[in-house]
Amino acid sequence: MLELLMLMAPANQGQQGGGGNALMAFLPFLLIIVIMYYLMIRPQAKRQKEKQKMLEALKKGDNVVTMGGIHGKVVGFTDDNKTVIIKVDDNVKLNIERSAINAVKPTGNKK
């Protein structure tokens, strides 16, 4: 570790005007920021956009799963369109926030 610090230190400390060395000193930090952006921030933003599209495309008859693990079928929306009414059982309907829907299951009879 000490050897790495010695290699990064400027060779001639008595002279002024090491403008190129300052850029080289910040290059590893810039690379780390760029790598973090492409590995962490960009995929998260992409997932957020996909979820927003899924929530906007929600319609009656869709089978959904909430974040709490409740499975149900969308039977309606409230007036403000922020709350979804899902049917869980024959006489059981729940009002949940649209943002609480985690996934939309495909509607098809698979045997």
Protein backbone atom coordinates (compact mmCIF):
# COMPACT_ATOMS: atom_id res chain seq x y z
CA MET A 1 0.00 0.00 0.00
CA LEU A 2 2.84 2.35 0.86
CA GLU A 3 4.52 1.57 -2.45
CA LEU A 4 1.36 2.55 -4.29
CA LEU A 5 1.24 5.89 -2.47
CA MET A 6 4.91 6.50 -3.26
CA LEU A 7 4.27 5.85 -6.96
CA MET A 8 1.35 8.29 -6.98
CA ALA A 9 3.41 11.07 -5.35
CA PRO A 10 4.96 13.60 -7.76
CA ALA A 11 8.60 12.86 -8.52
CA ASN A 12 9.83 16.45 -8.44
CA GLN A 13 8.18 18.21 -5.51
CA GLY A 14 10.29 21.35 -5.80
CA GLN A 15 8.86 22.46 -9.16
CA GLN A 16 5.55 24.21 -9.66
CA GLY A 17 2.98 23.63 -12.42
CA GLY A 18 2.07 19.97 -12.17
CA GLY A 19 -1.28 20.45 -13.99
CA GLY A 20 -1.14 17.07 -15.70
CA ASN A 21 -0.46 15.30 -12.42
CA ALA A 22 -3.63 16.74 -10.85
CA LEU A 23 -5.74 15.22 -13.60
CA MET A 24 -4.00 11.88 -13.20
CA ALA A 25 -4.62 12.02 -9.44
CA PHE A 26 -8.38 12.40 -9.93
CA LEU A 27 -8.63 9.87 -12.76
CA PRO A 28 -9.18 6.84 -10.46
CA PHE A 29 -12.00 8.66 -8.65
CA LEU A 30 -13.64 9.59 -11.93
CA LEU A 31 -13.39 6.00 -13.13
CA ILE A 32 -15.00 4.76 -9.91
CA ILE A 33 -17.89 7.21 -10.33
CA VAL A 34 -18.43 6.15 -13.96
CA ILE A 35 -18.35 2.46 -13.03
CA MET A 36 -20.82 3.04 -10.17
CA TYR A 37 -23.15 4.85 -12.55
CA TYR A 38 -23.20 2.02 -15.08
CA LEU A 39 -23.37 -0.81 -12.53
CA MET A 40 -25.75 0.65 -9.94
CA ILE A 41 -27.56 3.87 -10.81
CA ARG A 42 -28.48 3.27 -14.45
CA PRO A 43 -30.00 -0.22 -13.95
CA GLN A 44 -32.01 1.03 -10.97
CA ALA A 45 -33.42 3.91 -13.01
CA LYS A 46 -34.29 1.48 -15.81
CA ARG A 47 -36.16 -0.82 -13.40
CA GLN A 48 -38.02 2.18 -11.97
CA LYS A 49 -39.16 3.24 -15.46
CA GLU A 50 -40.32 -0.31 -16.27
CA LYS A 51 -42.33 -0.50 -13.04
CA GLN A 52 -43.91 2.89 -13.73
CA LYS A 53 -44.95 1.71 -17.22
CA MET A 54 -46.41 -1.47 -15.71
CA LEU A 55 -48.44 0.52 -13.17
CA GLU A 56 -49.72 2.94 -15.82
CA ALA A 57 -50.80 0.05 -18.08
CA LEU A 58 -52.80 -1.60 -15.29
CA LYS A 59 -56.39 -2.38 -16.32
CA LYS A 60 -59.44 -4.27 -15.11
CA GLY A 61 -59.06 -8.03 -15.21
CA ASP A 62 -55.29 -8.07 -14.61
CA ASN A 63 -54.04 -10.57 -12.05
CA VAL A 64 -51.66 -8.79 -9.68
CA VAL A 65 -49.39 -9.53 -6.75
CA THR A 66 -48.87 -6.86 -4.10
CA MET A 67 -45.67 -6.17 -2.20
CA GLY A 68 -47.23 -7.97 0.76
CA GLY A 69 -47.75 -11.12 -1.31
CA ILE A 70 -51.50 -10.80 -1.79
CA HIS A 71 -52.73 -12.23 -5.08
CA GLY A 72 -55.86 -10.78 -6.61
CA LYS A 73 -57.66 -9.54 -9.70
CA VAL A 74 -58.16 -5.86 -10.52
CA VAL A 75 -61.87 -5.04 -10.53
CA GLY A 76 -61.73 -1.26 -10.53
CA PHE A 77 -60.06 2.01 -9.64
CA THR A 78 -61.05 4.88 -7.36
CA ASP A 79 -61.88 8.36 -8.60
CA ASP A 80 -58.39 9.75 -8.01
CA ASN A 81 -56.90 6.74 -9.89
CA LYS A 82 -54.27 6.27 -7.17
CA THR A 83 -56.05 3.40 -5.46
CA VAL A 84 -56.78 0.03 -7.07
CA ILE A 85 -59.62 -2.25 -6.00
CA ILE A 86 -58.59 -5.90 -6.18
CA LYS A 87 -60.77 -8.95 -5.65
CA VAL A 88 -59.09 -11.52 -3.44
CA ASP A 89 -61.95 -13.96 -2.90
CA ASP A 90 -65.66 -14.18 -3.74
CA ASN A 91 -66.81 -11.50 -1.28
CA VAL A 92 -63.47 -9.89 -0.43
CA LYS A 93 -62.29 -6.72 -2.15
CA LEU A 94 -59.30 -4.67 -1.06
CA ASN A 95 -58.39 -1.07 -1.80
CA ILE A 96 -54.64 -0.78 -2.21
CA GLU A 97 -52.33 1.95 -3.42
CA ARG A 98 -51.26 1.60 -7.02
CA SER A 99 -47.62 1.81 -5.94
CA ALA A 100 -48.08 -1.28 -3.71
CA ILE A 101 -48.51 -3.54 -6.75
CA ASN A 102 -45.34 -5.50 -7.28
CA ALA A 103 -46.11 -7.57 -10.38
CA VAL A 104 -48.75 -8.28 -12.98
CA LYS A 105 -49.19 -11.99 -13.61
CA PRO A 106 -50.06 -13.24 -17.08
CA THR A 107 -53.73 -14.01 -17.57
CA GLY A 108 -53.95 -17.39 -19.17
CA ASN A 109 -55.01 -20.87 -18.24
CA LYS A 110 -51.85 -22.88 -17.94
CA LYS A 111 -52.29 -26.52 -17.12
